[in-house]
Amino acid sequence: MAFDFPVLVCDIGGTNARFSLKRDARAELSEPVHVRTHDYPGLAEAIEAILPQLAERPRAAIACGAGPIVENRLKLTNAPWVIDGREVAQKLKFGGGLLLNDFEAQALSLPAIPDAWTRQIGPLGFASAGPRVILGPGTGLGVAALIEASGRFTPVSSELCHIGFGPESDEEAAIWPHLERAHGRITTESVACGAGLARVYRARLLARGATPEFDDPADVTTAALADPGGEAAEGVRLYWRIIGRLAGDVAIAFVARGGVTLAGGVLPRIVDLLDEQAFRAAFERKAPVDGLARAIPTRLVMRADSVLIGMAAIAAEPERYAIDYEGRAWV
């Protein structure tokens, strides 16, 4: 598959949508344009709104969204949009394009993310050999893997965020009865997404017979950063340990010797409260395969728009990516 330049790359989340233009295969991406997803009824309308901010009118688009793709249509899990690639192409008179799940696209971005955009967690540097995993809390929780074979990259998307999640440590067992459920369940997403940060904070206090002060995760974050010794900060540290535990589970599930990358909009905001030693201890506590977990490196992407650079790489060299173009392409 080939793309007609300029190509617009679009990252559509449940809360924010980000757009950037790649004018040709060698060009740098333009400065991203951000809009609120709920301000527009759909992708075509959002693109129409940001066109005046672009140097040129796009001729094609690569878009990713938070939700599963069925017959070239994507229903956002945490927003009312339904993205139909062919319909978008027709409305905007694009020559073609590509539709991806957001963490499928995040996985495809892994080879293109500059080291300068990341923070290593723990002592291990990243290697390129072996499967790689990316997961990230935001409005929801995304998890995907990337496999390289014969010089081509293949993404493995998942809905792992919706599997059940139970307590492991005594600390977790104490808070679990107090965790707010989502859709009647406690899942990896309900605990590890952005709203999960506030759920963990509240459950920790309720388990001790105390009254939580905050309901909104942004308020918890603000209070935690303002008072690193306070209850909000302790809740955030517990949340980090849960993220470490989950990341380790995903790492051994995929035997991700190529490393685990954390992404999304939540974790960079609370990185000042990250205890790397505690994170790695939770990550590695995977008996009887703890030796495998100890050998897997971890890092955090500090740029929320990193997936855009991955989609731009696909536009420049589509032959390097073993994607189901027939099921994903817009014509």
C-alpha atoms as a PDB file:
ATOM      1  CA  MET A   1       0.000   0.000   0.000  1.00  0.00           C
ATOM      2  CA  ALA A   2       1.158   3.570  -0.712  1.00  0.00           C
ATOM      3  CA  PHE A   3      -0.107   6.850   0.708  1.00  0.00           C
ATOM      4  CA  ASP A   4      -0.643  10.107  -1.168  1.00  0.00           C
ATOM      5  CA  PHE A   5       1.143  12.949   0.621  1.00  0.00           C
ATOM      6  CA  PRO A   6       0.482  15.130   2.520  1.00  0.00           C
ATOM      7  CA  VAL A   7      -0.793  12.574   5.057  1.00  0.00           C
ATOM      8  CA  LEU A   8      -2.713  13.610   8.159  1.00  0.00           C
ATOM      9  CA  VAL A   9      -2.041  11.400  11.193  1.00  0.00           C
ATOM     10  CA  CYS A  10      -4.828  11.369  13.789  1.00  0.00           C
ATOM     11  CA  ASP A  11      -4.813  10.032  17.344  1.00  0.00           C
ATOM     12  CA  ILE A  12      -8.395   9.868  18.636  1.00  0.00           C
ATOM     13  CA  GLY A  13      -8.888   9.261  22.339  1.00  0.00           C
ATOM     14  CA  GLY A  14     -11.955   9.288  24.523  1.00  0.00           C
ATOM     15  CA  THR A  15     -11.083  12.792  25.761  1.00  0.00           C
ATOM     16  CA  ASN A  16      -8.629  14.377  23.288  1.00  0.00           C
ATOM     17  CA  ALA A  17      -7.889  14.120  19.571  1.00  0.00           C
ATOM     18  CA  ARG A  18      -4.461  15.025  18.169  1.00  0.00           C
ATOM     19  CA  PHE A  19      -3.575  15.751  14.544  1.00  0.00           C
ATOM     20  CA  SER A  20      -0.299  16.306  12.716  1.00  0.00           C
ATOM     21  CA  LEU A  21       0.657  16.615   9.040  1.00  0.00           C
ATOM     22  CA  LYS A  22       3.450  14.751   7.259  1.00  0.00           C
ATOM     23  CA  ARG A  23       4.057  16.644   4.044  1.00  0.00           C
ATOM     24  CA  ASP A  24       6.232  13.962   2.402  1.00  0.00           C
ATOM     25  CA  ALA A  25       8.075  10.773   3.316  1.00  0.00           C
ATOM     26  CA  ARG A  26      11.170  12.638   4.561  1.00  0.00           C
ATOM     27  CA  ALA A  27       9.468  15.612   6.215  1.00  0.00           C
ATOM     28  CA  GLU A  28       9.224  16.144   9.940  1.00  0.00           C
ATOM     29  CA  LEU A  29       5.744  16.104  11.431  1.00  0.00           C
ATOM     30  CA  SER A  30       4.028  19.437  11.885  1.00  0.00           C
ATOM     31  CA  GLU A  31       3.308  20.714  15.388  1.00  0.00           C
ATOM     32  CA  PRO A  32       0.316  18.700  16.688  1.00  0.00           C
ATOM     33  CA  VAL A  33      -3.132  20.305  16.822  1.00  0.00           C
ATOM     34  CA  HIS A  34      -5.239  19.232  19.811  1.00  0.00           C
ATOM     35  CA  VAL A  35      -9.044  19.323  20.121  1.00  0.00           C
ATOM     36  CA  ARG A  36     -11.551  17.886  22.584  1.00  0.00           C
ATOM     37  CA  THR A  37     -13.217  14.776  21.178  1.00  0.00           C
ATOM     38  CA  HIS A  38     -16.625  15.617  22.648  1.00  0.00           C
ATOM     39  CA  ASP A  39     -16.639  19.002  20.883  1.00  0.00           C
ATOM     40  CA  TYR A  40     -17.355  17.300  17.523  1.00  0.00           C
ATOM     41  CA  PRO A  41     -19.829  14.668  16.336  1.00  0.00           C
ATOM     42  CA  GLY A  42     -17.215  12.679  14.439  1.00  0.00           C
ATOM     43  CA  LEU A  43     -13.770  12.473  12.883  1.00  0.00           C
ATOM     44  CA  ALA A  44     -14.662  14.167   9.598  1.00  0.00           C
ATOM     45  CA  GLU A  45     -16.059  17.215  11.409  1.00  0.00           C
ATOM     46  CA  ALA A  46     -13.006  17.445  13.685  1.00  0.00           C
ATOM     47  CA  ILE A  47     -10.651  17.312  10.693  1.00  0.00           C
ATOM     48  CA  GLU A  48     -12.672  19.978   8.874  1.00  0.00           C
ATOM     49  CA  ALA A  49     -12.322  22.211  11.929  1.00  0.00           C
ATOM     50  CA  ILE A  50      -8.523  21.944  12.116  1.00  0.00           C
ATOM     51  CA  LEU A  51      -7.805  22.260   8.352  1.00  0.00           C
ATOM     52  CA  PRO A  52      -7.157  26.047   8.589  1.00  0.00           C
ATOM     53  CA  GLN A  53      -4.332  25.298  11.047  1.00  0.00           C
ATOM     54  CA  LEU A  54      -2.493  23.042   8.571  1.00  0.00           C
ATOM     55  CA  ALA A  55       0.059  24.216   6.019  1.00  0.00           C
ATOM     56  CA  GLU A  56      -1.565  22.113   3.268  1.00  0.00           C
ATOM     57  CA  ARG A  57      -4.760  20.183   2.744  1.00  0.00           C
ATOM     58  CA  PRO A  58      -4.175  16.454   3.361  1.00  0.00           C
ATOM     59  CA  ARG A  59      -4.701  13.959   0.569  1.00  0.00           C
ATOM     60  CA  ALA A  60      -4.808  10.917   2.872  1.00  0.00           C
ATOM     61  CA  ALA A  61      -5.060  10.094   6.572  1.00  0.00           C
ATOM     62  CA  ILE A  62      -3.947   7.487   9.064  1.00  0.00           C
ATOM     63  CA  ALA A  63      -6.146   7.460  12.160  1.00  0.00           C
ATOM     64  CA  CYS A  64      -6.175   5.437  15.337  1.00  0.00           C
ATOM     65  CA  GLY A  65      -8.908   5.276  17.945  1.00  0.00           C
ATOM     66  CA  ALA A  66      -9.591   3.654  21.309  1.00  0.00           C
ATOM     67  CA  GLY A  67     -11.812   0.724  20.393  1.00  0.00           C
ATOM     68  CA  PRO A  68     -12.006  -2.479  18.326  1.00  0.00           C
ATOM     69  CA  ILE A  69     -12.214  -2.325  14.506  1.00  0.00           C
ATOM     70  CA  VAL A  70     -14.948  -4.306  12.766  1.00  0.00           C
ATOM     71  CA  GLU A  71     -15.325  -4.089   8.966  1.00  0.00           C
ATOM     72  CA  ASN A  72     -13.288  -0.880   8.750  1.00  0.00           C
ATOM     73  CA  ARG A  73     -15.398   0.831  11.397  1.00  0.00           C
ATOM     74  CA  LEU A  74     -14.278   1.745  14.892  1.00  0.00           C
ATOM     75  CA  LYS A  75     -16.607   2.555  17.803  1.00  0.00           C
ATOM     76  CA  LEU A  76     -14.748   4.559  20.432  1.00  0.00           C
ATOM     77  CA  THR A  77     -15.053   2.794  23.787  1.00  0.00           C
ATOM     78  CA  ASN A  78     -15.150   5.983  25.853  1.00  0.00           C
ATOM     79  CA  ALA A  79     -16.812   8.470  23.472  1.00  0.00           C
ATOM     80  CA  PRO A  80     -19.865   8.374  21.154  1.00  0.00           C
ATOM     81  CA  TRP A  81     -17.912   8.506  17.864  1.00  0.00           C
ATOM     82  CA  VAL A  82     -18.161   5.750  15.272  1.00  0.00           C
ATOM     83  CA  ILE A  83     -15.296   6.144  12.790  1.00  0.00           C
ATOM     84  CA  ASP A  84     -16.010   4.740   9.346  1.00  0.00           C
ATOM     85  CA  GLY A  85     -12.865   5.092   7.243  1.00  0.00           C
ATOM     86  CA  ARG A  86     -14.605   5.020   3.876  1.00  0.00           C
ATOM     87  CA  GLU A  87     -17.171   7.568   5.004  1.00  0.00           C
ATOM     88  CA  VAL A  88     -14.461   9.940   6.259  1.00  0.00           C
ATOM     89  CA  ALA A  89     -12.528   9.602   2.998  1.00  0.00           C
ATOM     90  CA  GLN A  90     -15.658  10.364   0.985  1.00  0.00           C
ATOM     91  CA  LYS A  91     -16.644  13.419   3.065  1.00  0.00           C
ATOM     92  CA  LEU A  92     -13.152  14.946   2.958  1.00  0.00           C
ATOM     93  CA  LYS A  93     -12.306  13.811  -0.600  1.00  0.00           C
ATOM     94  CA  PHE A  94      -9.222  11.923   0.571  1.00  0.00           C
ATOM     95  CA  GLY A  95      -7.585   9.517  -1.840  1.00  0.00           C
ATOM     96  CA  GLY A  96      -7.184   6.893   0.863  1.00  0.00           C
ATOM     97  CA  GLY A  97      -6.111   6.161   4.374  1.00  0.00           C
ATOM     98  CA  LEU A  98      -5.763   3.656   7.158  1.00  0.00           C
ATOM     99  CA  LEU A  99      -7.709   2.977  10.374  1.00  0.00           C
ATOM    100  CA  LEU A 100      -5.997   1.411  13.404  1.00  0.00           C
ATOM    101  CA  ASN A 101      -6.851   0.583  16.999  1.00  0.00           C
ATOM    102  CA  ASP A 102      -5.073   3.122  19.197  1.00  0.00           C
ATOM    103  CA  PHE A 103      -2.773   0.665  20.934  1.00  0.00           C
ATOM    104  CA  GLU A 104      -2.209  -1.270  17.741  1.00  0.00           C
ATOM    105  CA  ALA A 105      -0.838   2.065  16.497  1.00  0.00           C
ATOM    106  CA  GLN A 106       1.042   2.606  19.774  1.00  0.00           C
ATOM    107  CA  ALA A 107       2.732  -0.760  19.277  1.00  0.00           C
ATOM    108  CA  LEU A 108       3.677   0.151  15.716  1.00  0.00           C
ATOM    109  CA  SER A 109       5.220   3.368  17.024  1.00  0.00           C
ATOM    110  CA  LEU A 110       7.715   1.553  19.268  1.00  0.00           C
ATOM    111  CA  PRO A 111      10.576   1.366  16.728  1.00  0.00           C
ATOM    112  CA  ALA A 112      10.203   5.090  15.952  1.00  0.00           C
ATOM    113  CA  ILE A 113      10.047   6.594  19.464  1.00  0.00           C
ATOM    114  CA  PRO A 114      13.242   8.576  20.139  1.00  0.00           C
ATOM    115  CA  ASP A 115      15.126   7.628  23.300  1.00  0.00           C
ATOM    116  CA  ALA A 116      15.006  11.286  24.330  1.00  0.00           C
ATOM    117  CA  TRP A 117      11.212  10.992  24.666  1.00  0.00           C
ATOM    118  CA  THR A 118      11.468   8.202  27.252  1.00  0.00           C
ATOM    119  CA  ARG A 119      12.489   7.668  30.863  1.00  0.00           C
ATOM    120  CA  GLN A 120      14.052   4.336  31.757  1.00  0.00           C
ATOM    121  CA  ILE A 121      12.553   2.626  34.826  1.00  0.00           C
ATOM    122  CA  GLY A 122      15.036   0.378  36.580  1.00  0.00           C
ATOM    123  CA  PRO A 123      18.567  -0.671  35.647  1.00  0.00           C
ATOM    124  CA  LEU A 124      17.947  -2.486  32.360  1.00  0.00           C
ATOM    125  CA  GLY A 125      18.479  -0.779  29.001  1.00  0.00           C
ATOM    126  CA  PHE A 126      16.222  -1.569  26.068  1.00  0.00           C
ATOM    127  CA  ALA A 127      17.100  -4.249  23.509  1.00  0.00           C
ATOM    128  CA  SER A 128      15.483  -4.659  20.123  1.00  0.00           C
ATOM    129  CA  ALA A 129      15.282  -8.481  20.164  1.00  0.00           C
ATOM    130  CA  GLY A 130      12.063 -10.178  21.177  1.00  0.00           C
ATOM    131  CA  PRO A 131       8.410  -9.160  21.441  1.00  0.00           C
ATOM    132  CA  ARG A 132       7.725  -5.671  22.777  1.00  0.00           C
ATOM    133  CA  VAL A 133       4.722  -4.557  24.782  1.00  0.00           C
ATOM    134  CA  ILE A 134       3.134  -1.154  25.306  1.00  0.00           C
ATOM    135  CA  LEU A 135       0.404  -0.265  27.782  1.00  0.00           C
ATOM    136  CA  GLY A 136      -0.969   3.030  28.894  1.00  0.00           C
ATOM    137  CA  PRO A 137      -3.613   4.448  31.198  1.00  0.00           C
ATOM    138  CA  GLY A 138      -5.717   7.318  29.913  1.00  0.00           C
ATOM    139  CA  THR A 139      -9.482   7.665  29.667  1.00  0.00           C
ATOM    140  CA  GLY A 140      -9.312   3.872  29.319  1.00  0.00           C
ATOM    141  CA  LEU A 141      -6.414   1.402  29.325  1.00  0.00           C
ATOM    142  CA  GLY A 142      -4.657   0.174  26.199  1.00  0.00           C
ATOM    143  CA  VAL A 143      -2.417  -2.881  25.812  1.00  0.00           C
ATOM    144  CA  ALA A 144      -0.730  -4.169  22.665  1.00  0.00           C
ATOM    145  CA  ALA A 145       2.391  -6.000  21.524  1.00  0.00           C
ATOM    146  CA  LEU A 146       4.782  -5.760  18.563  1.00  0.00           C
ATOM    147  CA  ILE A 147       6.592  -8.655  16.909  1.00  0.00           C
ATOM    148  CA  GLU A 148       9.386  -8.307  14.355  1.00  0.00           C
ATOM    149  CA  ALA A 149      10.014 -11.044  11.778  1.00  0.00           C
ATOM    150  CA  SER A 150      12.075 -10.873   8.582  1.00  0.00           C
ATOM    151  CA  GLY A 151      12.490  -7.122   8.980  1.00  0.00           C
ATOM    152  CA  ARG A 152       8.752  -6.397   9.204  1.00  0.00           C
ATOM    153  CA  PHE A 153       6.750  -5.299  12.238  1.00  0.00           C
ATOM    154  CA  THR A 154       3.442  -6.963  13.152  1.00  0.00           C
ATOM    155  CA  PRO A 155       1.155  -5.469  15.823  1.00  0.00           C
ATOM    156  CA  VAL A 156      -0.878  -7.661  18.152  1.00  0.00           C
ATOM    157  CA  SER A 157      -3.834  -5.700  19.508  1.00  0.00           C
ATOM    158  CA  SER A 158      -5.808  -6.785  22.549  1.00  0.00           C
ATOM    159  CA  GLU A 159      -8.758  -6.039  24.773  1.00  0.00           C
ATOM    160  CA  LEU A 160      -6.789  -7.176  27.814  1.00  0.00           C
ATOM    161  CA  CYS A 161      -8.061  -4.087  29.621  1.00  0.00           C
ATOM    162  CA  HIS A 162     -11.420  -5.786  30.097  1.00  0.00           C
ATOM    163  CA  ILE A 163     -10.216  -8.932  31.872  1.00  0.00           C
ATOM    164  CA  GLY A 164     -10.970  -9.296  35.564  1.00  0.00           C
ATOM    165  CA  PHE A 165      -8.396  -8.069  38.080  1.00  0.00           C
ATOM    166  CA  GLY A 166      -8.083  -9.335  41.639  1.00  0.00           C
ATOM    167  CA  PRO A 167      -5.989  -8.531  44.716  1.00  0.00           C
ATOM    168  CA  GLU A 168      -2.574 -10.099  45.157  1.00  0.00           C
ATOM    169  CA  SER A 169      -0.902  -8.505  48.185  1.00  0.00           C
ATOM    170  CA  ASP A 170      -2.366  -7.970  51.667  1.00  0.00           C
ATOM    171  CA  GLU A 171      -2.433  -4.237  50.910  1.00  0.00           C
ATOM    172  CA  GLU A 172      -4.554  -4.837  47.803  1.00  0.00           C
ATOM    173  CA  ALA A 173      -6.819  -7.318  49.581  1.00  0.00           C
ATOM    174  CA  ALA A 174      -7.642  -4.627  52.158  1.00  0.00           C
ATOM    175  CA  ILE A 175      -8.769  -2.066  49.579  1.00  0.00           C
ATOM    176  CA  TRP A 176     -10.526  -4.384  47.118  1.00  0.00           C
ATOM    177  CA  PRO A 177     -13.930  -4.441  48.904  1.00  0.00           C
ATOM    178  CA  HIS A 178     -13.934  -0.634  48.716  1.00  0.00           C
ATOM    179  CA  LEU A 179     -13.057  -0.264  45.034  1.00  0.00           C
ATOM    180  CA  GLU A 180     -15.736   1.303  42.892  1.00  0.00           C
ATOM    181  CA  ARG A 181     -16.785  -1.077  40.123  1.00  0.00           C
ATOM    182  CA  ALA A 182     -17.149  -0.184  36.453  1.00  0.00           C
ATOM    183  CA  HIS A 183     -19.955  -1.933  34.543  1.00  0.00           C
ATOM    184  CA  GLY A 184     -20.407  -4.104  37.629  1.00  0.00           C
ATOM    185  CA  ARG A 185     -16.843  -5.471  37.509  1.00  0.00           C
ATOM    186  CA  ILE A 186     -13.337  -4.832  38.779  1.00  0.00           C
ATOM    187  CA  THR A 187     -11.147  -5.054  35.692  1.00  0.00           C
ATOM    188  CA  THR A 188      -7.606  -4.098  34.769  1.00  0.00           C
ATOM    189  CA  GLU A 189      -9.034  -0.956  33.157  1.00  0.00           C
ATOM    190  CA  SER A 190     -11.267   0.040  36.077  1.00  0.00           C
ATOM    191  CA  VAL A 191      -8.246  -0.050  38.410  1.00  0.00           C
ATOM    192  CA  ALA A 192      -5.439   1.123  36.101  1.00  0.00           C
ATOM    193  CA  CYS A 193      -7.090   3.796  33.910  1.00  0.00           C
ATOM    194  CA  GLY A 194      -7.059   7.482  34.820  1.00  0.00           C
ATOM    195  CA  ALA A 195     -10.263   7.188  36.833  1.00  0.00           C
ATOM    196  CA  GLY A 196      -8.728   4.157  38.510  1.00  0.00           C
ATOM    197  CA  LEU A 197      -6.169   6.409  40.182  1.00  0.00           C
ATOM    198  CA  ALA A 198      -8.993   8.125  42.084  1.00  0.00           C
ATOM    199  CA  ARG A 199     -10.650   4.762  42.803  1.00  0.00           C
ATOM    200  CA  VAL A 200      -7.424   3.450  44.364  1.00  0.00           C
ATOM    201  CA  TYR A 201      -6.971   6.636  46.401  1.00  0.00           C
ATOM    202  CA  ARG A 202     -10.541   6.497  47.730  1.00  0.00           C
ATOM    203  CA  ALA A 203     -10.503   2.750  48.442  1.00  0.00           C
ATOM    204  CA  ARG A 204      -7.260   3.046  50.409  1.00  0.00           C
ATOM    205  CA  LEU A 205      -8.778   5.657  52.709  1.00  0.00           C
ATOM    206  CA  LEU A 206     -12.139   3.889  53.054  1.00  0.00           C
ATOM    207  CA  ALA A 207     -10.333   0.668  54.034  1.00  0.00           C
ATOM    208  CA  ARG A 208      -8.788   2.593  56.939  1.00  0.00           C
ATOM    209  CA  GLY A 209     -12.096   4.163  57.989  1.00  0.00           C
ATOM    210  CA  ALA A 210     -11.111   7.611  56.683  1.00  0.00           C
ATOM    211  CA  THR A 211     -13.146   9.918  54.441  1.00  0.00           C
ATOM    212  CA  PRO A 212     -11.681  10.657  50.981  1.00  0.00           C
ATOM    213  CA  GLU A 213     -11.346  14.327  50.167  1.00  0.00           C
ATOM    214  CA  PHE A 214     -11.303  14.055  46.375  1.00  0.00           C
ATOM    215  CA  ASP A 215     -13.333  12.305  43.661  1.00  0.00           C
ATOM    216  CA  ASP A 216     -11.642  13.552  40.495  1.00  0.00           C
ATOM    217  CA  PRO A 217      -8.285  12.007  39.481  1.00  0.00           C
ATOM    218  CA  ALA A 218      -6.970  15.446  38.485  1.00  0.00           C
ATOM    219  CA  ASP A 219      -7.677  16.709  42.017  1.00  0.00           C
ATOM    220  CA  VAL A 220      -5.936  13.659  43.499  1.00  0.00           C
ATOM    221  CA  THR A 221      -2.913  14.315  41.297  1.00  0.00           C
ATOM    222  CA  THR A 222      -2.766  18.011  42.182  1.00  0.00           C
ATOM    223  CA  ALA A 223      -2.983  17.279  45.912  1.00  0.00           C
ATOM    224  CA  ALA A 224      -0.400  14.494  45.686  1.00  0.00           C
ATOM    225  CA  LEU A 225       2.162  16.643  43.900  1.00  0.00           C
ATOM    226  CA  ALA A 226       1.559  19.549  46.287  1.00  0.00           C
ATOM    227  CA  ASP A 227       2.073  17.360  49.377  1.00  0.00           C
ATOM    228  CA  PRO A 228       4.294  14.312  48.678  1.00  0.00           C
ATOM    229  CA  GLY A 229       3.827  13.168  52.267  1.00  0.00           C
ATOM    230  CA  GLY A 230       0.033  13.332  52.256  1.00  0.00           C
ATOM    231  CA  GLU A 231      -2.728  10.776  51.776  1.00  0.00           C
ATOM    232  CA  ALA A 232      -3.243  11.630  48.097  1.00  0.00           C
ATOM    233  CA  ALA A 233       0.444  10.990  47.408  1.00  0.00           C
ATOM    234  CA  GLU A 234       0.292   7.629  49.217  1.00  0.00           C
ATOM    235  CA  GLY A 235      -2.690   6.704  47.056  1.00  0.00           C
ATOM    236  CA  VAL A 236      -0.745   7.610  43.904  1.00  0.00           C
ATOM    237  CA  ARG A 237       2.227   5.527  45.049  1.00  0.00           C
ATOM    238  CA  LEU A 238      -0.074   2.534  45.556  1.00  0.00           C
ATOM    239  CA  TYR A 239      -1.471   3.156  42.075  1.00  0.00           C
ATOM    240  CA  TRP A 240       2.095   3.094  40.664  1.00  0.00           C
ATOM    241  CA  ARG A 241       2.727  -0.267  42.372  1.00  0.00           C
ATOM    242  CA  ILE A 242      -0.461  -1.662  40.823  1.00  0.00           C
ATOM    243  CA  ILE A 243       0.671  -0.402  37.412  1.00  0.00           C
ATOM    244  CA  GLY A 244       4.022  -2.141  37.971  1.00  0.00           C
ATOM    245  CA  ARG A 245       2.284  -5.384  38.876  1.00  0.00           C
ATOM    246  CA  LEU A 246       0.023  -5.180  35.814  1.00  0.00           C
ATOM    247  CA  ALA A 247       2.952  -4.340  33.532  1.00  0.00           C
ATOM    248  CA  GLY A 248       4.768  -7.420  34.804  1.00  0.00           C
ATOM    249  CA  ASP A 249       1.724  -9.603  34.126  1.00  0.00           C
ATOM    250  CA  VAL A 250       1.541  -8.333  30.551  1.00  0.00           C
ATOM    251  CA  ALA A 251       5.308  -8.766  30.130  1.00  0.00           C
ATOM    252  CA  ILE A 252       5.289 -12.445  31.023  1.00  0.00           C
ATOM    253  CA  ALA A 253       2.067 -13.059  29.061  1.00  0.00           C
ATOM    254  CA  PHE A 254       3.826 -11.955  25.853  1.00  0.00           C
ATOM    255  CA  VAL A 255       7.349 -13.055  26.954  1.00  0.00           C
ATOM    256  CA  ALA A 256       8.268  -9.458  26.099  1.00  0.00           C
ATOM    257  CA  ARG A 257      12.056  -9.714  26.064  1.00  0.00           C
ATOM    258  CA  GLY A 258      12.132  -6.606  23.879  1.00  0.00           C
ATOM    259  CA  GLY A 259      10.804  -4.566  26.797  1.00  0.00           C
ATOM    260  CA  VAL A 260       7.667  -2.986  28.235  1.00  0.00           C
ATOM    261  CA  THR A 261       6.856   0.624  27.409  1.00  0.00           C
ATOM    262  CA  LEU A 262       4.374   2.639  29.460  1.00  0.00           C
ATOM    263  CA  ALA A 263       2.520   5.403  27.635  1.00  0.00           C
ATOM    264  CA  GLY A 264      -0.694   7.416  27.859  1.00  0.00           C
ATOM    265  CA  GLY A 265      -1.614  10.743  29.367  1.00  0.00           C
ATOM    266  CA  VAL A 266      -1.759   9.820  33.076  1.00  0.00           C
ATOM    267  CA  LEU A 267       1.649   8.456  34.090  1.00  0.00           C
ATOM    268  CA  PRO A 268       3.897  11.341  32.919  1.00  0.00           C
ATOM    269  CA  ARG A 269       1.887  13.677  35.176  1.00  0.00           C
ATOM    270  CA  ILE A 270       2.627  11.613  38.291  1.00  0.00           C
ATOM    271  CA  VAL A 271       6.169  10.501  37.474  1.00  0.00           C
ATOM    272  CA  ASP A 272       7.568  12.554  40.366  1.00  0.00           C
ATOM    273  CA  LEU A 273       5.866  10.089  42.719  1.00  0.00           C
ATOM    274  CA  LEU A 274       7.285   7.012  40.979  1.00  0.00           C
ATOM    275  CA  ASP A 275       9.382   4.807  43.271  1.00  0.00           C
ATOM    276  CA  GLU A 276      11.407   2.849  40.711  1.00  0.00           C
ATOM    277  CA  GLN A 277      12.506   0.198  43.202  1.00  0.00           C
ATOM    278  CA  ALA A 278       8.930  -0.470  44.353  1.00  0.00           C
ATOM    279  CA  PHE A 279       7.719  -0.469  40.736  1.00  0.00           C
ATOM    280  CA  ARG A 280      10.312  -3.023  39.673  1.00  0.00           C
ATOM    281  CA  ALA A 281       9.653  -5.173  42.761  1.00  0.00           C
ATOM    282  CA  ALA A 282       5.953  -5.352  41.808  1.00  0.00           C
ATOM    283  CA  PHE A 283       6.882  -5.933  38.162  1.00  0.00           C
ATOM    284  CA  GLU A 284       9.284  -8.793  38.972  1.00  0.00           C
ATOM    285  CA  ARG A 285       7.226 -10.603  41.654  1.00  0.00           C
ATOM    286  CA  LYS A 286       6.089 -13.308  39.204  1.00  0.00           C
ATOM    287  CA  ALA A 287       7.085 -16.651  40.729  1.00  0.00           C
ATOM    288  CA  PRO A 288       7.702 -19.172  39.315  1.00  0.00           C
ATOM    289  CA  VAL A 289       8.826 -17.070  36.305  1.00  0.00           C
ATOM    290  CA  ASP A 290      10.320 -14.151  38.234  1.00  0.00           C
ATOM    291  CA  GLY A 291      13.640 -14.755  36.479  1.00  0.00           C
ATOM    292  CA  LEU A 292      11.956 -13.961  33.170  1.00  0.00           C
ATOM    293  CA  ALA A 293      10.387 -10.785  34.594  1.00  0.00           C
ATOM    294  CA  ARG A 294      13.724  -9.587  36.017  1.00  0.00           C
ATOM    295  CA  ALA A 295      15.264  -9.748  32.523  1.00  0.00           C
ATOM    296  CA  ILE A 296      12.619  -7.513  30.907  1.00  0.00           C
ATOM    297  CA  PRO A 297      13.357  -3.749  30.776  1.00  0.00           C
ATOM    298  CA  THR A 298      10.761  -1.057  31.434  1.00  0.00           C
ATOM    299  CA  ARG A 299      10.447   2.594  30.399  1.00  0.00           C
ATOM    300  CA  LEU A 300       7.948   5.443  30.328  1.00  0.00           C
ATOM    301  CA  VAL A 301       7.182   7.594  27.270  1.00  0.00           C
ATOM    302  CA  MET A 302       7.034  11.204  28.411  1.00  0.00           C
ATOM    303  CA  ARG A 303       5.321  12.571  25.261  1.00  0.00           C
ATOM    304  CA  ALA A 304       1.541  12.138  24.972  1.00  0.00           C
ATOM    305  CA  ASP A 305       1.664  12.459  21.165  1.00  0.00           C
ATOM    306  CA  SER A 306       4.293   9.743  20.548  1.00  0.00           C
ATOM    307  CA  VAL A 307       1.853   7.590  18.573  1.00  0.00           C
ATOM    308  CA  LEU A 308       1.764  10.262  15.844  1.00  0.00           C
ATOM    309  CA  ILE A 309       5.405   9.626  14.980  1.00  0.00           C
ATOM    310  CA  GLY A 310       4.632   5.925  14.622  1.00  0.00           C
ATOM    311  CA  MET A 311       1.783   6.511  12.189  1.00  0.00           C
ATOM    312  CA  ALA A 312       4.003   8.899  10.237  1.00  0.00           C
ATOM    313  CA  ALA A 313       6.591   6.117   9.931  1.00  0.00           C
ATOM    314  CA  ILE A 314       3.909   3.852   8.467  1.00  0.00           C
ATOM    315  CA  ALA A 315       3.043   6.525   5.913  1.00  0.00           C
ATOM    316  CA  ALA A 316       6.707   6.823   4.901  1.00  0.00           C
ATOM    317  CA  GLU A 317       7.523   3.091   4.723  1.00  0.00           C
ATOM    318  CA  PRO A 318       4.320   1.027   4.681  1.00  0.00           C
ATOM    319  CA  GLU A 319       6.181  -2.025   3.362  1.00  0.00           C
ATOM    320  CA  ARG A 320       7.990  -2.379   6.721  1.00  0.00           C
ATOM    321  CA  TYR A 321       4.703  -3.018   8.563  1.00  0.00           C
ATOM    322  CA  ALA A 322       2.776  -6.271   8.305  1.00  0.00           C
ATOM    323  CA  ILE A 323      -0.651  -4.734   8.763  1.00  0.00           C
ATOM    324  CA  ASP A 324      -3.982  -6.079   7.554  1.00  0.00           C
ATOM    325  CA  TYR A 325      -4.193  -3.286   4.992  1.00  0.00           C
ATOM    326  CA  GLU A 326      -7.207  -4.848   3.283  1.00  0.00           C
ATOM    327  CA  GLY A 327      -9.252  -4.746   6.491  1.00  0.00           C
ATOM    328  CA  ARG A 328      -7.891  -1.358   7.603  1.00  0.00           C
ATOM    329  CA  ALA A 329      -7.486   0.687   4.414  1.00  0.00           C
ATOM    330  CA  TRP A 330      -9.812   3.461   3.262  1.00  0.00           C
ATOM    331  CA  VAL A 331     -10.604   3.539  -0.435  1.00  0.00           C
END
